[in-house]
Amino acid sequence: MDAFLTSRNVSDLLGGVTSGVIYALVALSLVLIWRSTRMLNFAQGAMAVFATYIGFAILAPTTNYWVSMSVAIVAGLVLGGVTERVLVRPLYGKPEINPIVAMVGLLLVLESIAAAIWSTSARALATPFSIVDWQLNHKPVALSPFALYEIVTSLVVMAIVAALFQYTKLGLQLRAAALAPEVSRLLGVRVGRMLTVGWMLSTAVGAVTAVLVASNFFTGLTPSGMDGVFAFGFIAAAIGGLDSPVGAMVSGLALGVVFQFVGDYVNSNAVILVALGLLIVSLMVRPNGVFTRSAQRRV
């Protein structure tokens, strides 16, 4: 059993799951904002990183990890709400290219501001758990206490978001406000408030993801630290389906495992090619996503 748990394939599987839950969280944040506002936020990664800087760079000298993480999540909520009210709301009803350009511009602005204030050097974050892999008979298992914390935290967040849309009145109102705003208003739904809440929740999930990524010993916190992770998360969301939280979770986990095996058995440079190949094939076969129902959508 020890030889199996420390084998190359199991190590790749565990490493892939650890990476996959991060991609799944990014995909979930994109699904969250899409289902609640029918828009894609290409500045999601930069907003999450900026919120993480607020929580950790400003408060690091006086507070612990959990307080700083809580502040980062609150900062994400505030940043998401302000962005929707100030920048996004005037873009509703405009050509689809307008929000895309605005979000790309916001990404560049936030990364530039973060670099100007905190520099581009990687900032190490104190982690609440050890990043050293567990040992079995003096052989490492590709799983550390911190990696387990990443997996558990990601799964908890995913479960909360899935339950929000599936079982709560707020989730129903978020979907209704995005899909049929005029009808929703007639039914008493405060559409403007729901759109703001959607952005707030999405950015908060993104902030959790950025904290987990930045807490990694090999990554640290940098202004552009979420760019690559966001790209893979976006691919996961597109493959799983932007209307499917379950699709985001499954696709993110699957991509993490596939990328880990490709990087180990083929070449790490082939990961991007494989990611693009999977995206192209998925869009050709299931343009709306593998987990999105082809039947007419209902609120």
Protein backbone atom coordinates (compact mmCIF):
# COMPACT_ATOMS: atom_id res chain seq x y z
CA MET A 1 0.00 0.00 0.00
CA ASP A 2 2.82 2.40 0.85
CA ALA A 3 4.45 1.76 -2.52
CA PHE A 4 1.15 2.47 -4.26
CA LEU A 5 0.51 5.74 -2.40
CA THR A 6 4.00 7.00 -3.17
CA SER A 7 3.95 5.83 -6.80
CA ARG A 8 4.35 8.17 -9.74
CA ASN A 9 0.75 7.85 -10.93
CA VAL A 10 -0.77 8.50 -7.51
CA SER A 11 1.56 11.46 -7.02
CA ASP A 12 0.41 12.88 -10.35
CA LEU A 13 -3.21 12.27 -9.41
CA LEU A 14 -2.90 14.03 -6.06
CA GLY A 15 -0.96 16.92 -7.59
CA GLY A 16 -3.58 17.21 -10.32
CA VAL A 17 -6.43 17.32 -7.82
CA THR A 18 -4.65 20.04 -5.83
CA SER A 19 -4.26 22.16 -8.97
CA GLY A 20 -7.67 21.18 -10.29
CA VAL A 21 -9.61 22.52 -7.32
CA ILE A 22 -8.01 25.92 -7.94
CA TYR A 23 -9.02 25.88 -11.61
CA ALA A 24 -12.48 24.76 -10.52
CA LEU A 25 -12.79 27.70 -8.12
CA VAL A 26 -11.85 30.17 -10.86
CA ALA A 27 -14.33 28.52 -13.22
CA LEU A 28 -16.97 28.64 -10.51
CA SER A 29 -16.46 32.36 -9.96
CA LEU A 30 -16.93 32.91 -13.70
CA VAL A 31 -20.05 30.74 -13.74
CA LEU A 32 -21.35 32.65 -10.73
CA ILE A 33 -21.06 36.02 -12.41
CA TRP A 34 -22.37 34.67 -15.73
CA ARG A 35 -25.45 33.12 -14.16
CA SER A 36 -26.22 36.28 -12.21
CA THR A 37 -25.40 38.98 -14.80
CA ARG A 38 -24.82 37.19 -18.18
CA MET A 39 -21.40 38.82 -18.44
CA LEU A 40 -17.82 37.53 -18.37
CA ASN A 41 -15.38 39.27 -16.08
CA PHE A 42 -11.92 39.11 -17.67
CA ALA A 43 -10.57 41.14 -14.74
CA GLN A 44 -11.62 38.46 -12.26
CA GLY A 45 -8.05 37.40 -11.50
CA ALA A 46 -6.74 40.94 -11.09
CA MET A 47 -9.63 41.93 -8.83
CA ALA A 48 -9.02 38.88 -6.66
CA VAL A 49 -5.31 39.63 -6.40
CA PHE A 50 -5.99 43.27 -5.50
CA ALA A 51 -8.34 42.17 -2.72
CA THR A 52 -5.66 39.76 -1.47
CA TYR A 53 -3.09 42.55 -1.38
CA ILE A 54 -5.47 44.61 0.74
CA GLY A 55 -5.93 41.75 3.18
CA PHE A 56 -2.34 40.59 3.45
CA ALA A 57 0.01 43.39 2.42
CA ILE A 58 -1.68 46.08 4.52
CA LEU A 59 -2.57 44.00 7.58
CA ALA A 60 0.30 41.47 7.55
CA PRO A 61 2.39 43.19 10.26
CA THR A 62 -0.38 43.17 12.85
CA THR A 63 -2.75 40.28 12.13
CA ASN A 64 -2.73 36.56 11.45
CA TYR A 65 -3.56 34.55 8.34
CA TRP A 66 -7.23 34.04 9.13
CA VAL A 67 -7.94 37.70 9.85
CA SER A 68 -6.09 38.76 6.71
CA MET A 69 -7.99 36.21 4.64
CA SER A 70 -11.28 37.45 6.05
CA VAL A 71 -10.35 41.04 5.18
CA ALA A 72 -9.39 39.94 1.67
CA ILE A 73 -12.80 38.33 1.20
CA VAL A 74 -14.57 41.46 2.46
CA ALA A 75 -12.38 43.57 0.17
CA GLY A 76 -13.43 41.31 -2.70
CA LEU A 77 -17.09 41.83 -1.85
CA VAL A 78 -16.65 45.60 -1.78
CA LEU A 79 -14.53 45.71 -4.94
CA GLY A 80 -17.03 43.57 -6.82
CA GLY A 81 -19.95 45.74 -5.75
CA VAL A 82 -18.22 49.01 -6.60
CA THR A 83 -17.08 47.67 -9.98
CA GLU A 84 -20.62 46.64 -10.89
CA ARG A 85 -22.15 49.94 -9.78
CA VAL A 86 -19.56 52.29 -11.29
CA LEU A 87 -18.09 50.53 -14.30
CA VAL A 88 -20.37 47.70 -15.38
CA ARG A 89 -23.87 49.08 -14.87
CA PRO A 90 -23.59 51.72 -17.62
CA LEU A 91 -22.61 48.91 -20.02
CA TYR A 92 -25.81 46.88 -19.70
CA GLY A 93 -27.62 46.83 -23.02
CA LYS A 94 -24.57 48.03 -24.92
CA PRO A 95 -22.77 45.97 -27.61
CA GLU A 96 -21.15 42.83 -26.18
CA ILE A 97 -17.65 44.06 -27.01
CA ASN A 98 -17.99 47.02 -24.63
CA PRO A 99 -17.93 45.02 -21.36
CA ILE A 100 -15.04 42.91 -22.67
CA VAL A 101 -12.94 45.97 -23.43
CA ALA A 102 -13.85 47.53 -20.08
CA MET A 103 -12.88 44.40 -18.14
CA VAL A 104 -9.58 44.00 -19.97
CA GLY A 105 -8.87 47.66 -19.23
CA LEU A 106 -9.73 47.13 -15.56
CA LEU A 107 -7.36 44.16 -15.44
CA LEU A 108 -4.47 46.28 -16.71
CA VAL A 109 -5.31 49.16 -14.37
CA LEU A 110 -5.54 46.99 -11.24
CA GLU A 111 -2.32 45.13 -12.01
CA SER A 112 -0.52 48.42 -12.64
CA ILE A 113 -1.81 49.97 -9.41
CA ALA A 114 -0.84 46.88 -7.42
CA ALA A 115 2.65 46.90 -8.95
CA ALA A 116 3.06 50.61 -8.22
CA ILE A 117 2.01 50.25 -4.58
CA TRP A 118 3.46 46.86 -3.63
CA SER A 119 6.03 46.23 -6.43
CA THR A 120 6.16 43.22 -8.74
CA SER A 121 8.32 41.14 -6.42
CA ALA A 122 6.69 37.98 -5.10
CA ARG A 123 5.44 38.45 -1.56
CA ALA A 124 5.50 35.31 0.58
CA LEU A 125 2.41 34.73 2.70
CA ALA A 126 2.55 32.91 6.00
CA THR A 127 0.53 29.72 5.68
CA PRO A 128 -1.55 28.18 8.48
CA PHE A 129 -0.40 24.66 7.63
CA SER A 130 2.84 23.01 6.60
CA ILE A 131 3.63 22.79 2.89
CA VAL A 132 5.92 19.79 3.42
CA ASP A 133 4.51 16.57 1.95
CA TRP A 134 3.61 13.73 4.26
CA GLN A 135 5.99 10.75 4.37
CA LEU A 136 5.34 7.03 4.20
CA ASN A 137 8.35 4.90 5.07
CA HIS A 138 10.60 7.87 4.30
CA LYS A 139 9.01 8.30 0.86
CA PRO A 140 6.99 11.46 0.12
CA VAL A 141 3.30 11.37 -0.69
CA ALA A 142 2.36 14.20 -3.05
CA LEU A 143 0.04 15.72 -0.45
CA SER A 144 0.83 18.18 2.31
CA PRO A 145 -1.35 19.58 5.11
CA PHE A 146 -1.64 22.83 3.15
CA ALA A 147 -2.62 20.99 -0.06
CA LEU A 148 -5.34 19.19 1.90
CA TYR A 149 -6.47 22.56 3.25
CA GLU A 150 -6.67 23.87 -0.34
CA ILE A 151 -8.77 20.92 -1.43
CA VAL A 152 -11.16 21.06 1.54
CA THR A 153 -11.58 24.84 1.31
CA SER A 154 -12.28 24.68 -2.42
CA LEU A 155 -14.82 21.89 -2.02
CA VAL A 156 -16.62 23.77 0.77
CA VAL A 157 -16.84 26.95 -1.33
CA MET A 158 -18.08 24.94 -4.32
CA ALA A 159 -20.76 23.26 -2.21
CA ILE A 160 -21.93 26.61 -0.82
CA VAL A 161 -22.22 28.19 -4.28
CA ALA A 162 -23.98 25.16 -5.73
CA ALA A 163 -26.46 25.13 -2.83
CA LEU A 164 -27.00 28.89 -3.21
CA PHE A 165 -28.24 28.57 -6.78
CA GLN A 166 -30.06 25.28 -6.31
CA TYR A 167 -31.89 25.69 -3.03
CA THR A 168 -32.14 29.35 -2.01
CA LYS A 169 -34.46 32.21 -2.92
CA LEU A 170 -31.42 34.45 -3.47
CA GLY A 171 -30.04 32.06 -6.08
CA LEU A 172 -33.39 32.00 -7.90
CA GLN A 173 -33.55 35.80 -7.87
CA LEU A 174 -29.98 36.08 -9.17
CA ARG A 175 -30.80 33.85 -12.13
CA ALA A 176 -34.12 35.53 -12.78
CA ALA A 177 -32.58 39.01 -12.72
CA ALA A 178 -30.00 37.96 -15.31
CA LEU A 179 -32.28 36.01 -17.65
CA ALA A 180 -35.48 38.07 -17.53
CA PRO A 181 -34.90 41.43 -15.83
CA GLU A 182 -38.16 43.07 -16.93
CA VAL A 183 -40.30 40.14 -15.81
CA SER A 184 -38.33 39.93 -12.58
CA ARG A 185 -39.03 43.59 -11.83
CA LEU A 186 -42.75 42.97 -12.31
CA LEU A 187 -42.51 40.10 -9.82
CA GLY A 188 -40.89 42.34 -7.22
CA VAL A 189 -37.24 41.32 -7.68
CA ARG A 190 -34.80 44.20 -7.17
CA VAL A 191 -32.81 43.50 -10.32
CA GLY A 192 -30.16 46.16 -9.78
CA ARG A 193 -29.40 44.84 -6.31
CA MET A 194 -29.21 41.25 -7.57
CA LEU A 195 -26.71 42.21 -10.26
CA THR A 196 -24.54 43.89 -7.65
CA VAL A 197 -24.78 40.88 -5.35
CA GLY A 198 -23.72 38.61 -8.21
CA TRP A 199 -20.55 40.60 -8.78
CA MET A 200 -19.84 40.75 -5.06
CA LEU A 201 -20.15 37.00 -4.59
CA SER A 202 -18.07 36.25 -7.66
CA THR A 203 -15.22 38.50 -6.56
CA ALA A 204 -15.34 37.04 -3.04
CA VAL A 205 -14.91 33.54 -4.45
CA GLY A 206 -12.08 34.88 -6.59
CA ALA A 207 -10.44 36.36 -3.49
CA VAL A 208 -10.49 32.97 -1.76
CA THR A 209 -8.84 31.47 -4.84
CA ALA A 210 -6.17 34.17 -4.99
CA VAL A 211 -5.32 33.66 -1.31
CA LEU A 212 -4.88 29.93 -1.87
CA VAL A 213 -2.71 30.50 -4.93
CA ALA A 214 -0.59 33.21 -3.31
CA SER A 215 -0.08 31.10 -0.19
CA ASN A 216 1.77 28.54 -2.28
CA PHE A 217 5.48 28.59 -1.43
CA PHE A 218 6.50 28.51 -5.09
CA THR A 219 4.08 31.22 -6.22
CA GLY A 220 3.74 33.98 -3.66
CA LEU A 221 1.64 37.08 -4.18
CA THR A 222 2.34 39.11 -7.33
CA PRO A 223 0.16 41.57 -9.29
CA SER A 224 -0.14 39.18 -12.25
CA GLY A 225 -0.08 35.99 -10.20
CA MET A 226 -3.58 34.93 -11.21
CA ASP A 227 -3.25 35.45 -14.97
CA GLY A 228 -2.22 31.89 -15.82
CA VAL A 229 -4.61 30.37 -13.30
CA PHE A 230 -7.44 32.50 -14.69
CA ALA A 231 -6.71 31.28 -18.23
CA PHE A 232 -7.01 27.62 -17.21
CA GLY A 233 -10.05 28.39 -15.08
CA PHE A 234 -11.70 30.11 -18.04
CA ILE A 235 -11.04 27.05 -20.20
CA ALA A 236 -12.59 24.85 -17.50
CA ALA A 237 -15.67 27.09 -17.36
CA ALA A 238 -16.04 27.05 -21.14
CA ILE A 239 -15.71 23.27 -21.32
CA GLY A 240 -18.04 22.58 -18.41
CA GLY A 241 -20.56 25.21 -19.43
CA LEU A 242 -20.99 28.74 -18.13
CA ASP A 243 -24.45 27.85 -16.82
CA SER A 244 -23.29 24.83 -14.85
CA PRO A 245 -21.60 25.07 -11.42
CA VAL A 246 -21.19 21.29 -11.48
CA GLY A 247 -19.56 21.54 -14.89
CA ALA A 248 -17.11 24.12 -13.56
CA MET A 249 -16.12 21.85 -10.68
CA VAL A 250 -15.78 18.66 -12.71
CA SER A 251 -13.98 20.35 -15.61
CA GLY A 252 -11.55 22.15 -13.31
CA LEU A 253 -10.65 18.96 -11.48
CA ALA A 254 -10.34 16.99 -14.72
CA LEU A 255 -8.10 19.62 -16.32
CA GLY A 256 -5.85 19.70 -13.26
CA VAL A 257 -5.32 15.95 -13.40
CA VAL A 258 -4.83 15.91 -17.19
CA PHE A 259 -2.32 18.76 -17.06
CA GLN A 260 -0.37 17.06 -14.29
CA PHE A 261 -0.02 13.81 -16.25
CA VAL A 262 0.82 15.67 -19.47
CA GLY A 263 3.50 17.71 -17.72
CA ASP A 264 5.00 14.61 -16.12
CA TYR A 265 4.84 12.13 -18.97
CA VAL A 266 5.10 14.43 -21.99
CA ASN A 267 6.41 17.94 -21.40
CA SER A 268 5.32 20.88 -19.28
CA ASN A 269 5.35 23.05 -22.42
CA ALA A 270 2.68 20.79 -23.94
CA VAL A 271 0.15 21.68 -21.25
CA ILE A 272 -0.97 24.86 -23.00
CA LEU A 273 -1.38 23.04 -26.33
CA VAL A 274 -3.43 20.32 -24.67
CA ALA A 275 -5.60 22.94 -22.93
CA LEU A 276 -6.31 24.75 -26.18
CA GLY A 277 -6.95 21.46 -27.97
CA LEU A 278 -9.48 20.36 -25.36
CA LEU A 279 -11.19 23.76 -25.55
CA ILE A 280 -11.47 23.66 -29.34
CA VAL A 281 -12.81 20.10 -29.40
CA SER A 282 -15.29 20.91 -26.65
CA LEU A 283 -16.59 23.99 -28.44
CA MET A 284 -16.96 22.02 -31.68
CA VAL A 285 -18.87 19.17 -30.06
CA ARG A 286 -20.76 21.01 -27.30
CA PRO A 287 -20.62 24.78 -27.88
CA ASN A 288 -22.68 25.54 -24.76
CA GLY A 289 -20.57 23.31 -22.55
CA VAL A 290 -20.46 19.61 -21.75
CA PHE A 291 -22.67 19.94 -18.67
CA THR A 292 -25.13 22.49 -20.05
CA ARG A 293 -28.49 21.08 -21.00
CA SER A 294 -29.52 21.58 -24.60
CA ALA A 295 -33.14 21.92 -23.60
CA GLN A 296 -34.70 25.33 -23.16
CA ARG A 297 -33.41 27.05 -20.06
CA ARG A 298 -35.81 27.62 -17.20
CA VAL A 299 -35.46 29.94 -14.21
